[in-house]
Structure formats: C-alpha cells, structure tokens
Amino acid sequence: MTLVRLRAGALELALAPDVGGSVAAFSQGGRRLMRPAPDGYTDVLQAACFPLVPYSNRVRDGVFSFRGREVRLPPNLPPQRHPLHGVGWRASWTVTSAEPSRAVLALEWPGGVWPWPFQAEQAFALDDAGLSVALRVENTGRQAMPAGLGLHPYFPCPPGTVLHAPVTEVWPVDADLFPTGREPADGRYSLDQRAISGVGLDNGYGGWSGEALIRWPDGGGLRITAEPPARWFQVYAPEGEPVLCAEPVTHANGALNAPEAEARALGLAVLEPGEHLMLRARFDPL
C-alpha cells in the first residue's frame, strides 16, 4: 500500500489512492480530525473518507430507468442487494500530481457495471486553516449520463459530541434505508445543536445551508462547508459506535429511483457528453 502524505503547518493528510482514492488520516498536531484508518488497510469502509461518484447512497435492487433505458447495477457490498455510493470507492485511483501540501487523484472509468464512461478527479489542498477537497466527474462517453457526487467522511464521535447543521427537511427511511417521504427536520431528526453520539440516525436531509459544525467534548471542533450544488446532507450516527458520518452530497437519497421528471429537483444532474459536475468542500478545525 502506498500513501501520499501532505502537510501544511500542523495539519497532516494521508491519501490511499489504491484503496478507493480514500483519505487514510486527517489530523492537526496529533488531534484526529477524521477517524484514522488502520495501518495497511485494504477495506475502504475503514478509511477516514472516500469519494461518492457517480452517485451517492443506494439504488433500490440496482434498477433504475434513464431516458427510456432500464439500467441494472450489480450489488457492490454483499450481502446488501442494493448497490450504493457509485463505483469510485471500489476502484484504484492514480496520482496525477503530488506536492508537499497538494495532490490530485484521478480515475478513468471505461464503462462496465456503470454503463457510462467517465473521468473523475479529486484535488486535495492543505493550507494553514484547513483542507479543501474538489471532486469532479466528467462524462467522457457519447450519451447523456445521470450523475451525482458526495464525500463520505468518518469523524470521531465520543459521548458529548454535538452536531449543528442548518437543514429544513429530513427523509425518514424504510427497513432498506430508502426514503419514505419528507418531514420537517425536528424532534428525533433535529440537527440543531444536536448531541449526536450513538443516536441511531441514517438519514438524508434537504435544504442544507452548506455549513455544519462538529464540537467534541474535549473542546475541539471542525467546520464543514460546501458550495452549491452540494445542498443535501447525509448523517450516519449508528447506535453503539463512537463514529459520525456527516456527508456533503449533490442529490437526495433515492434520486436515481425517482421518476426522471422529479430527479432534477432532487439534485440529480444530467451530463451531456463533455459536461462535468463539481463538488467543493472544506474541513476547517476550530
């Protein structure tokens, strides 16, 4: 396993291109800002963060329709039957540039289980204030392609951790974690100064302001910011585990399964040949 290591001041970032183009660690002066991956890890689900491309979350039974065509995707996390998070997290990425505080990883997808060819790129840049990530996908095929992007970071979440993220609505989910409707993001779904450790959330949110704050009980914290079109936000705070996923994404959960007339309102992009979609986010320690 080869790690690409970046540094700026007290900030350090380690990347594992061959493990899904993932982040292995992000820290500041020894403080873990993301959950670190084990040494020599090969399972991307153990990473500190990985990219979601060319879609985020799940596709029910791996089947959806686009422009009159039925598309079938195989499962990519057995025994789950619903494929999730696209194909980039299961691929090996290439380092196209690396400097002391910057690196770019790239993926050329020729088609296959995801039938449209595309090129994806992740640009990482550390500065004294924090980490910038730009995730890009470009349609390199000859036909229009549906597309969405996201980042899937894991954060330490001991008891006493608080998450604040201005959102307007939440999608409750069924037993397979697909949305069943929308409702105001309050009560058990509130993200307003929410004590978040172990609360048992696995939900998508809409109307996100583009900013989220994580406060840890030892006084540390992290600010997440994302530019449009990342106006959806996924939260995973499992019961019994001191971990939090707070994910900027460009479309709502289940958008690929929605009728095409509704999918754009849910954030799903349609890329004509040569067009691209970009997600820009920052992670700044407080």
C-alpha atoms as a PDB file:
ATOM      1  CA  MET A   1       0.000   0.000   0.000  1.00  0.00           C
ATOM      2  CA  THR A   2       1.342   3.428  -0.973  1.00  0.00           C
ATOM      3  CA  LEU A   3       0.328   6.515   0.992  1.00  0.00           C
ATOM      4  CA  VAL A   4       0.586  10.073  -0.295  1.00  0.00           C
ATOM      5  CA  ARG A   5       1.342  12.352   2.662  1.00  0.00           C
ATOM      6  CA  LEU A   6       0.610  16.091   2.686  1.00  0.00           C
ATOM      7  CA  ARG A   7       1.429  18.704   5.308  1.00  0.00           C
ATOM      8  CA  ALA A   8       0.722  22.401   5.954  1.00  0.00           C
ATOM      9  CA  GLY A   9       1.680  23.783   9.351  1.00  0.00           C
ATOM     10  CA  ALA A  10       0.258  21.426  11.976  1.00  0.00           C
ATOM     11  CA  LEU A  11      -2.163  19.809   9.521  1.00  0.00           C
ATOM     12  CA  GLU A  12      -1.409  16.419   8.019  1.00  0.00           C
ATOM     13  CA  LEU A  13      -3.289  14.397   5.421  1.00  0.00           C
ATOM     14  CA  ALA A  14      -2.615  10.848   4.189  1.00  0.00           C
ATOM     15  CA  LEU A  15      -4.186   9.525   0.982  1.00  0.00           C
ATOM     16  CA  ALA A  16      -4.504   5.926  -0.199  1.00  0.00           C
ATOM     17  CA  PRO A  17      -5.069   6.111  -3.971  1.00  0.00           C
ATOM     18  CA  ASP A  18      -5.275   2.349  -4.474  1.00  0.00           C
ATOM     19  CA  VAL A  19      -7.953   1.930  -1.775  1.00  0.00           C
ATOM     20  CA  GLY A  20     -10.841   3.723  -3.445  1.00  0.00           C
ATOM     21  CA  GLY A  21      -8.985   7.040  -3.701  1.00  0.00           C
ATOM     22  CA  SER A  22      -9.593   7.356   0.030  1.00  0.00           C
ATOM     23  CA  VAL A  23      -8.274   9.519   2.838  1.00  0.00           C
ATOM     24  CA  ALA A  24      -6.389   7.404   5.377  1.00  0.00           C
ATOM     25  CA  ALA A  25      -5.968  10.124   8.014  1.00  0.00           C
ATOM     26  CA  PHE A  26      -6.511  13.841   8.648  1.00  0.00           C
ATOM     27  CA  SER A  27      -5.053  15.379  11.793  1.00  0.00           C
ATOM     28  CA  GLN A  28      -3.795  18.563  13.397  1.00  0.00           C
ATOM     29  CA  GLY A  29      -0.870  18.359  15.790  1.00  0.00           C
ATOM     30  CA  GLY A  30      -1.841  14.853  16.817  1.00  0.00           C
ATOM     31  CA  ARG A  31      -5.586  15.588  17.093  1.00  0.00           C
ATOM     32  CA  ARG A  32      -7.582  13.245  14.899  1.00  0.00           C
ATOM     33  CA  LEU A  33      -9.947  15.332  12.782  1.00  0.00           C
ATOM     34  CA  MET A  34     -11.260  12.268  10.972  1.00  0.00           C
ATOM     35  CA  ARG A  35     -11.362   8.681  12.173  1.00  0.00           C
ATOM     36  CA  PRO A  36      -7.991   7.237  11.101  1.00  0.00           C
ATOM     37  CA  ALA A  37      -7.789   4.060   9.053  1.00  0.00           C
ATOM     38  CA  PRO A  38      -5.835   1.084  10.381  1.00  0.00           C
ATOM     39  CA  ASP A  39      -2.280   0.710   9.107  1.00  0.00           C
ATOM     40  CA  GLY A  40      -2.189  -1.136   5.798  1.00  0.00           C
ATOM     41  CA  TYR A  41      -5.961  -1.198   5.397  1.00  0.00           C
ATOM     42  CA  THR A  42      -7.482  -2.654   2.250  1.00  0.00           C
ATOM     43  CA  ASP A  43     -11.186  -2.217   3.063  1.00  0.00           C
ATOM     44  CA  VAL A  44     -12.309   1.259   2.022  1.00  0.00           C
ATOM     45  CA  LEU A  45     -15.011   1.170   4.707  1.00  0.00           C
ATOM     46  CA  GLN A  46     -12.177   1.508   7.219  1.00  0.00           C
ATOM     47  CA  ALA A  47     -10.998   4.756   5.588  1.00  0.00           C
ATOM     48  CA  ALA A  48     -11.228   8.239   7.068  1.00  0.00           C
ATOM     49  CA  CYS A  49     -13.092   9.452   3.964  1.00  0.00           C
ATOM     50  CA  PHE A  50     -13.875   8.217   0.467  1.00  0.00           C
ATOM     51  CA  PRO A  51     -15.490   9.688  -2.682  1.00  0.00           C
ATOM     52  CA  LEU A  52     -19.019   9.010  -3.872  1.00  0.00           C
ATOM     53  CA  VAL A  53     -19.034   9.024  -7.677  1.00  0.00           C
ATOM     54  CA  PRO A  54     -21.035   8.967  -9.942  1.00  0.00           C
ATOM     55  CA  TYR A  55     -23.892   8.803  -7.412  1.00  0.00           C
ATOM     56  CA  SER A  56     -24.396   8.696  -3.654  1.00  0.00           C
ATOM     57  CA  ASN A  57     -26.375   6.398  -1.390  1.00  0.00           C
ATOM     58  CA  ARG A  58     -28.445   3.460  -2.690  1.00  0.00           C
ATOM     59  CA  VAL A  59     -30.202   2.273  -5.837  1.00  0.00           C
ATOM     60  CA  ARG A  60     -33.148   0.034  -4.991  1.00  0.00           C
ATOM     61  CA  ASP A  61     -32.410  -3.505  -6.216  1.00  0.00           C
ATOM     62  CA  GLY A  62     -29.837  -1.938  -8.539  1.00  0.00           C
ATOM     63  CA  VAL A  63     -32.506  -0.999 -11.085  1.00  0.00           C
ATOM     64  CA  PHE A  64     -33.448   2.421 -12.450  1.00  0.00           C
ATOM     65  CA  SER A  65     -34.626   3.960 -15.712  1.00  0.00           C
ATOM     66  CA  PHE A  66     -32.919   6.752 -17.624  1.00  0.00           C
ATOM     67  CA  ARG A  67     -34.057   8.164 -20.952  1.00  0.00           C
ATOM     68  CA  GLY A  68     -36.231   5.140 -21.630  1.00  0.00           C
ATOM     69  CA  ARG A  69     -33.465   2.660 -20.825  1.00  0.00           C
ATOM     70  CA  GLU A  70     -33.551   0.213 -17.939  1.00  0.00           C
ATOM     71  CA  VAL A  71     -30.206   0.122 -16.139  1.00  0.00           C
ATOM     72  CA  ARG A  72     -29.198  -2.738 -13.848  1.00  0.00           C
ATOM     73  CA  LEU A  73     -26.311  -2.396 -11.412  1.00  0.00           C
ATOM     74  CA  PRO A  74     -24.860  -5.366  -9.501  1.00  0.00           C
ATOM     75  CA  PRO A  75     -24.567  -5.303  -5.691  1.00  0.00           C
ATOM     76  CA  ASN A  76     -21.249  -3.854  -4.505  1.00  0.00           C
ATOM     77  CA  LEU A  77     -21.454  -4.530  -0.773  1.00  0.00           C
ATOM     78  CA  PRO A  78     -22.703  -8.101  -0.266  1.00  0.00           C
ATOM     79  CA  PRO A  79     -24.949  -9.264   1.289  1.00  0.00           C
ATOM     80  CA  GLN A  80     -26.754  -5.966   0.625  1.00  0.00           C
ATOM     81  CA  ARG A  81     -28.762  -6.283  -2.582  1.00  0.00           C
ATOM     82  CA  HIS A  82     -28.917  -2.532  -3.161  1.00  0.00           C
ATOM     83  CA  PRO A  83     -25.715  -1.131  -4.743  1.00  0.00           C
ATOM     84  CA  LEU A  84     -24.518   2.087  -3.162  1.00  0.00           C
ATOM     85  CA  HIS A  85     -22.120   5.012  -3.434  1.00  0.00           C
ATOM     86  CA  GLY A  86     -21.234   4.609  -7.094  1.00  0.00           C
ATOM     87  CA  VAL A  87     -18.127   2.846  -8.383  1.00  0.00           C
ATOM     88  CA  GLY A  88     -15.262   5.181  -7.473  1.00  0.00           C
ATOM     89  CA  TRP A  89     -14.928   3.889  -3.930  1.00  0.00           C
ATOM     90  CA  ARG A  90     -14.338   0.355  -5.236  1.00  0.00           C
ATOM     91  CA  ALA A  91     -11.665   1.382  -7.745  1.00  0.00           C
ATOM     92  CA  SER A  92      -7.956   2.142  -7.679  1.00  0.00           C
ATOM     93  CA  TRP A  93      -7.113   5.780  -8.409  1.00  0.00           C
ATOM     94  CA  THR A  94      -3.974   7.242  -9.992  1.00  0.00           C
ATOM     95  CA  VAL A  95      -1.819  10.016  -8.543  1.00  0.00           C
ATOM     96  CA  THR A  96      -1.536  12.633 -11.291  1.00  0.00           C
ATOM     97  CA  SER A  97       0.275  15.243  -9.191  1.00  0.00           C
ATOM     98  CA  ALA A  98       1.724  15.458  -5.690  1.00  0.00           C
ATOM     99  CA  GLU A  99       3.336  18.407  -3.912  1.00  0.00           C
ATOM    100  CA  PRO A 100       4.060  18.953  -0.204  1.00  0.00           C
ATOM    101  CA  SER A 101       0.572  20.312   0.508  1.00  0.00           C
ATOM    102  CA  ARG A 102      -1.407  19.335  -2.618  1.00  0.00           C
ATOM    103  CA  ALA A 103      -2.275  16.221  -4.576  1.00  0.00           C
ATOM    104  CA  VAL A 104      -4.604  15.185  -7.370  1.00  0.00           C
ATOM    105  CA  LEU A 105      -6.025  11.679  -7.808  1.00  0.00           C
ATOM    106  CA  ALA A 106      -7.766  10.567 -10.997  1.00  0.00           C
ATOM    107  CA  LEU A 107      -9.960   7.710 -12.158  1.00  0.00           C
ATOM    108  CA  GLU A 108     -10.683   6.726 -15.750  1.00  0.00           C
ATOM    109  CA  TRP A 109     -13.881   4.686 -15.876  1.00  0.00           C
ATOM    110  CA  PRO A 110     -14.315   2.952 -19.234  1.00  0.00           C
ATOM    111  CA  GLY A 111     -17.854   1.722 -18.664  1.00  0.00           C
ATOM    112  CA  GLY A 112     -18.988  -1.659 -17.409  1.00  0.00           C
ATOM    113  CA  VAL A 113     -21.101  -2.197 -14.314  1.00  0.00           C
ATOM    114  CA  TRP A 114     -21.825   1.537 -14.514  1.00  0.00           C
ATOM    115  CA  PRO A 115     -22.526   1.650 -18.241  1.00  0.00           C
ATOM    116  CA  TRP A 116     -21.363   5.213 -18.975  1.00  0.00           C
ATOM    117  CA  PRO A 117     -17.665   6.060 -19.268  1.00  0.00           C
ATOM    118  CA  PHE A 118     -16.438   8.975 -17.180  1.00  0.00           C
ATOM    119  CA  GLN A 119     -13.347  10.616 -15.762  1.00  0.00           C
ATOM    120  CA  ALA A 120     -13.242  11.540 -12.090  1.00  0.00           C
ATOM    121  CA  GLU A 121     -10.732  13.668 -10.213  1.00  0.00           C
ATOM    122  CA  GLN A 122     -10.111  14.541  -6.578  1.00  0.00           C
ATOM    123  CA  ALA A 123      -7.968  17.580  -5.791  1.00  0.00           C
ATOM    124  CA  PHE A 124      -6.770  17.880  -2.178  1.00  0.00           C
ATOM    125  CA  ALA A 125      -5.132  21.037  -0.831  1.00  0.00           C
ATOM    126  CA  LEU A 126      -3.968  21.758   2.705  1.00  0.00           C
ATOM    127  CA  ASP A 127      -3.355  25.278   3.975  1.00  0.00           C
ATOM    128  CA  ASP A 128      -2.786  26.645   7.472  1.00  0.00           C
ATOM    129  CA  ALA A 129      -6.568  26.861   8.063  1.00  0.00           C
ATOM    130  CA  GLY A 130      -7.790  23.518   6.812  1.00  0.00           C
ATOM    131  CA  LEU A 131      -8.399  21.084   3.973  1.00  0.00           C
ATOM    132  CA  SER A 132     -10.041  21.786   0.609  1.00  0.00           C
ATOM    133  CA  VAL A 133     -11.404  18.942  -1.498  1.00  0.00           C
ATOM    134  CA  ALA A 134     -12.704  19.279  -5.046  1.00  0.00           C
ATOM    135  CA  LEU A 135     -14.399  16.210  -6.513  1.00  0.00           C
ATOM    136  CA  ARG A 136     -15.180  16.317 -10.233  1.00  0.00           C
ATOM    137  CA  VAL A 137     -16.805  13.947 -12.713  1.00  0.00           C
ATOM    138  CA  GLU A 138     -16.898  14.406 -16.485  1.00  0.00           C
ATOM    139  CA  ASN A 139     -18.945  12.427 -18.971  1.00  0.00           C
ATOM    140  CA  THR A 140     -16.439  11.050 -21.487  1.00  0.00           C
ATOM    141  CA  GLY A 141     -18.970   8.953 -23.378  1.00  0.00           C
ATOM    142  CA  ARG A 142     -21.245   9.641 -26.317  1.00  0.00           C
ATOM    143  CA  GLN A 143     -24.561   9.590 -24.476  1.00  0.00           C
ATOM    144  CA  ALA A 144     -26.053  11.620 -21.640  1.00  0.00           C
ATOM    145  CA  MET A 145     -25.302  10.279 -18.162  1.00  0.00           C
ATOM    146  CA  PRO A 146     -27.045  10.786 -14.803  1.00  0.00           C
ATOM    147  CA  ALA A 147     -24.605  11.907 -12.134  1.00  0.00           C
ATOM    148  CA  GLY A 148     -24.189  12.915  -8.534  1.00  0.00           C
ATOM    149  CA  LEU A 149     -21.286  13.374  -6.132  1.00  0.00           C
ATOM    150  CA  GLY A 150     -20.557  13.182  -2.440  1.00  0.00           C
ATOM    151  CA  LEU A 151     -17.875  12.867   0.195  1.00  0.00           C
ATOM    152  CA  HIS A 152     -18.151  10.218   2.905  1.00  0.00           C
ATOM    153  CA  PRO A 153     -16.016  11.293   5.886  1.00  0.00           C
ATOM    154  CA  TYR A 154     -15.970   9.474   9.231  1.00  0.00           C
ATOM    155  CA  PHE A 155     -15.452  11.597  12.338  1.00  0.00           C
ATOM    156  CA  PRO A 156     -14.715  10.635  15.940  1.00  0.00           C
ATOM    157  CA  CYS A 157     -17.957  10.839  17.902  1.00  0.00           C
ATOM    158  CA  PRO A 158     -17.474  10.122  21.609  1.00  0.00           C
ATOM    159  CA  PRO A 159     -20.321  10.837  24.050  1.00  0.00           C
ATOM    160  CA  GLY A 160     -20.822  14.577  24.306  1.00  0.00           C
ATOM    161  CA  THR A 161     -20.188  15.278  20.609  1.00  0.00           C
ATOM    162  CA  VAL A 162     -22.537  17.937  19.202  1.00  0.00           C
ATOM    163  CA  LEU A 163     -23.500  18.453  15.547  1.00  0.00           C
ATOM    164  CA  HIS A 164     -25.087  21.654  14.271  1.00  0.00           C
ATOM    165  CA  ALA A 165     -26.230  21.739  10.648  1.00  0.00           C
ATOM    166  CA  PRO A 166     -28.975  24.113   9.406  1.00  0.00           C
ATOM    167  CA  VAL A 167     -31.373  21.961   7.346  1.00  0.00           C
ATOM    168  CA  THR A 168     -35.066  22.271   6.556  1.00  0.00           C
ATOM    169  CA  GLU A 169     -36.277  18.724   5.944  1.00  0.00           C
ATOM    170  CA  VAL A 170     -35.434  15.091   6.523  1.00  0.00           C
ATOM    171  CA  TRP A 171     -36.274  11.875   4.675  1.00  0.00           C
ATOM    172  CA  PRO A 172     -37.400   9.123   7.068  1.00  0.00           C
ATOM    173  CA  VAL A 173     -36.431   5.699   5.713  1.00  0.00           C
ATOM    174  CA  ASP A 174     -37.802   2.190   5.445  1.00  0.00           C
ATOM    175  CA  ALA A 175     -36.087  -1.023   6.556  1.00  0.00           C
ATOM    176  CA  ASP A 176     -33.862  -0.894   3.453  1.00  0.00           C
ATOM    177  CA  LEU A 177     -32.886   2.730   4.179  1.00  0.00           C
ATOM    178  CA  PHE A 178     -34.795   4.243   1.253  1.00  0.00           C
ATOM    179  CA  PRO A 179     -36.782   7.460   1.765  1.00  0.00           C
ATOM    180  CA  THR A 180     -40.460   7.096   2.553  1.00  0.00           C
ATOM    181  CA  GLY A 181     -41.332  10.809   2.378  1.00  0.00           C
ATOM    182  CA  ARG A 182     -40.281  14.156   3.773  1.00  0.00           C
ATOM    183  CA  GLU A 183     -40.951  15.939   7.014  1.00  0.00           C
ATOM    184  CA  PRO A 184     -39.549  18.881   8.994  1.00  0.00           C
ATOM    185  CA  ALA A 185     -36.120  18.206  10.474  1.00  0.00           C
ATOM    186  CA  ASP A 186     -37.089  18.438  14.127  1.00  0.00           C
ATOM    187  CA  GLY A 187     -37.646  16.118  17.079  1.00  0.00           C
ATOM    188  CA  ARG A 188     -35.521  12.996  16.794  1.00  0.00           C
ATOM    189  CA  TYR A 189     -34.265  14.201  13.412  1.00  0.00           C
ATOM    190  CA  SER A 190     -33.104  17.621  14.577  1.00  0.00           C
ATOM    191  CA  LEU A 191     -29.565  18.732  13.764  1.00  0.00           C
ATOM    192  CA  ASP A 192     -29.866  21.944  15.786  1.00  0.00           C
ATOM    193  CA  GLN A 193     -27.055  21.730  18.371  1.00  0.00           C
ATOM    194  CA  ARG A 194     -27.738  18.013  18.465  1.00  0.00           C
ATOM    195  CA  ALA A 195     -25.970  15.643  20.850  1.00  0.00           C
ATOM    196  CA  ILE A 196     -25.192  13.137  18.110  1.00  0.00           C
ATOM    197  CA  SER A 197     -23.182  10.232  19.504  1.00  0.00           C
ATOM    198  CA  GLY A 198     -24.947   6.902  19.065  1.00  0.00           C
ATOM    199  CA  VAL A 199     -28.383   8.371  18.289  1.00  0.00           C
ATOM    200  CA  GLY A 200     -29.250   5.862  15.554  1.00  0.00           C
ATOM    201  CA  LEU A 201     -29.642   8.187  12.566  1.00  0.00           C
ATOM    202  CA  ASP A 202     -29.063   7.138   8.954  1.00  0.00           C
ATOM    203  CA  ASN A 203     -30.933   9.821   7.042  1.00  0.00           C
ATOM    204  CA  GLY A 204     -30.657  12.303   4.231  1.00  0.00           C
ATOM    205  CA  TYR A 205     -31.515  15.971   4.758  1.00  0.00           C
ATOM    206  CA  GLY A 206     -32.574  18.710   2.353  1.00  0.00           C
ATOM    207  CA  GLY A 207     -32.377  22.473   2.459  1.00  0.00           C
ATOM    208  CA  TRP A 208     -28.870  22.343   3.899  1.00  0.00           C
ATOM    209  CA  SER A 209     -27.185  25.726   4.349  1.00  0.00           C
ATOM    210  CA  GLY A 210     -23.831  24.325   3.229  1.00  0.00           C
ATOM    211  CA  GLU A 211     -22.264  24.555   6.688  1.00  0.00           C
ATOM    212  CA  ALA A 212     -22.027  22.108   9.592  1.00  0.00           C
ATOM    213  CA  LEU A 213     -20.173  22.325  12.913  1.00  0.00           C
ATOM    214  CA  ILE A 214     -18.920  19.392  14.955  1.00  0.00           C
ATOM    215  CA  ARG A 215     -17.960  20.073  18.575  1.00  0.00           C
ATOM    216  CA  TRP A 216     -16.114  17.438  20.574  1.00  0.00           C
ATOM    217  CA  PRO A 217     -16.324  17.165  24.363  1.00  0.00           C
ATOM    218  CA  ASP A 218     -12.622  17.949  24.805  1.00  0.00           C
ATOM    219  CA  GLY A 219     -13.156  21.432  23.340  1.00  0.00           C
ATOM    220  CA  GLY A 220     -12.051  20.749  19.774  1.00  0.00           C
ATOM    221  CA  GLY A 221     -14.198  21.128  16.722  1.00  0.00           C
ATOM    222  CA  LEU A 222     -14.447  21.093  12.941  1.00  0.00           C
ATOM    223  CA  ARG A 223     -16.353  23.217  10.432  1.00  0.00           C
ATOM    224  CA  ILE A 224     -17.575  21.590   7.212  1.00  0.00           C
ATOM    225  CA  THR A 225     -18.548  23.875   4.341  1.00  0.00           C
ATOM    226  CA  ALA A 226     -19.650  23.009   0.828  1.00  0.00           C
ATOM    227  CA  GLU A 227     -20.556  25.054  -2.221  1.00  0.00           C
ATOM    228  CA  PRO A 228     -23.639  24.501  -4.383  1.00  0.00           C
ATOM    229  CA  PRO A 229     -24.769  22.110  -5.770  1.00  0.00           C
ATOM    230  CA  ALA A 230     -23.999  20.238  -2.522  1.00  0.00           C
ATOM    231  CA  ARG A 231     -27.201  21.247  -0.754  1.00  0.00           C
ATOM    232  CA  TRP A 232     -28.084  17.817   0.558  1.00  0.00           C
ATOM    233  CA  PHE A 233     -26.567  16.355   3.699  1.00  0.00           C
ATOM    234  CA  GLN A 234     -26.354  12.754   4.871  1.00  0.00           C
ATOM    235  CA  VAL A 235     -25.958  11.849   8.548  1.00  0.00           C
ATOM    236  CA  TYR A 236     -24.968   8.428   9.850  1.00  0.00           C
ATOM    237  CA  ALA A 237     -24.666   8.139  13.629  1.00  0.00           C
ATOM    238  CA  PRO A 238     -25.089   4.460  14.461  1.00  0.00           C
ATOM    239  CA  GLU A 239     -26.165   3.175  17.836  1.00  0.00           C
ATOM    240  CA  GLY A 240     -23.335   1.787  19.909  1.00  0.00           C
ATOM    241  CA  GLU A 241     -20.490   3.186  17.783  1.00  0.00           C
ATOM    242  CA  PRO A 242     -18.461   6.358  18.510  1.00  0.00           C
ATOM    243  CA  VAL A 243     -18.428   7.463  14.874  1.00  0.00           C
ATOM    244  CA  LEU A 244     -20.255  10.094  12.827  1.00  0.00           C
ATOM    245  CA  CYS A 245     -20.567  10.412   9.060  1.00  0.00           C
ATOM    246  CA  ALA A 246     -21.585  13.935   8.010  1.00  0.00           C
ATOM    247  CA  GLU A 247     -21.628  13.900   4.219  1.00  0.00           C
ATOM    248  CA  PRO A 248     -21.985  16.753   1.714  1.00  0.00           C
ATOM    249  CA  VAL A 249     -23.826  15.359  -1.327  1.00  0.00           C
ATOM    250  CA  THR A 250     -25.290  16.846  -4.502  1.00  0.00           C
ATOM    251  CA  HIS A 251     -28.541  14.896  -4.617  1.00  0.00           C
ATOM    252  CA  ALA A 252     -31.167  13.392  -2.357  1.00  0.00           C
ATOM    253  CA  ASN A 253     -31.196   9.737  -1.385  1.00  0.00           C
ATOM    254  CA  GLY A 254     -33.004   7.584  -3.919  1.00  0.00           C
ATOM    255  CA  ALA A 255     -32.809  10.192  -6.669  1.00  0.00           C
ATOM    256  CA  LEU A 256     -31.886   7.591  -9.292  1.00  0.00           C
ATOM    257  CA  ASN A 257     -35.066   5.678  -8.455  1.00  0.00           C
ATOM    258  CA  ALA A 258     -37.288   8.748  -8.737  1.00  0.00           C
ATOM    259  CA  PRO A 259     -39.230   9.459 -11.948  1.00  0.00           C
ATOM    260  CA  GLU A 260     -36.983  11.368 -14.317  1.00  0.00           C
ATOM    261  CA  ALA A 261     -39.316  14.367 -14.208  1.00  0.00           C
ATOM    262  CA  GLU A 262     -38.642  14.662 -10.460  1.00  0.00           C
ATOM    263  CA  ALA A 263     -34.976  13.654 -10.336  1.00  0.00           C
ATOM    264  CA  ARG A 264     -33.556  17.072 -11.216  1.00  0.00           C
ATOM    265  CA  ALA A 265     -35.463  18.701  -8.363  1.00  0.00           C
ATOM    266  CA  LEU A 266     -33.800  16.116  -6.128  1.00  0.00           C
ATOM    267  CA  GLY A 267     -30.384  17.285  -7.300  1.00  0.00           C
ATOM    268  CA  LEU A 268     -29.549  14.572  -9.823  1.00  0.00           C
ATOM    269  CA  ALA A 269     -27.513  16.058 -12.681  1.00  0.00           C
ATOM    270  CA  VAL A 270     -27.692  15.002 -16.310  1.00  0.00           C
ATOM    271  CA  LEU A 271     -24.333  15.360 -18.022  1.00  0.00           C
ATOM    272  CA  GLU A 272     -24.238  15.542 -21.782  1.00  0.00           C
ATOM    273  CA  PRO A 273     -21.022  14.309 -23.456  1.00  0.00           C
ATOM    274  CA  GLY A 274     -18.118  16.502 -22.315  1.00  0.00           C
ATOM    275  CA  GLU A 275     -20.045  18.126 -19.447  1.00  0.00           C
ATOM    276  CA  HIS A 276     -18.905  17.898 -15.845  1.00  0.00           C
ATOM    277  CA  LEU A 277     -20.168  18.211 -12.282  1.00  0.00           C
ATOM    278  CA  MET A 278     -18.110  19.537  -9.360  1.00  0.00           C
ATOM    279  CA  LEU A 279     -18.370  19.326  -5.577  1.00  0.00           C
ATOM    280  CA  ARG A 280     -16.166  21.648  -3.499  1.00  0.00           C
ATOM    281  CA  ALA A 281     -15.884  21.286   0.260  1.00  0.00           C
ATOM    282  CA  ARG A 282     -13.676  22.399   3.142  1.00  0.00           C
ATOM    283  CA  PHE A 283     -12.867  20.911   6.510  1.00  0.00           C
ATOM    284  CA  ASP A 284     -11.522  23.522   8.939  1.00  0.00           C
ATOM    285  CA  PRO A 285     -10.539  22.745  12.533  1.00  0.00           C
ATOM    286  CA  LEU A 286     -11.899  25.229  15.083  1.00  0.00           C
END
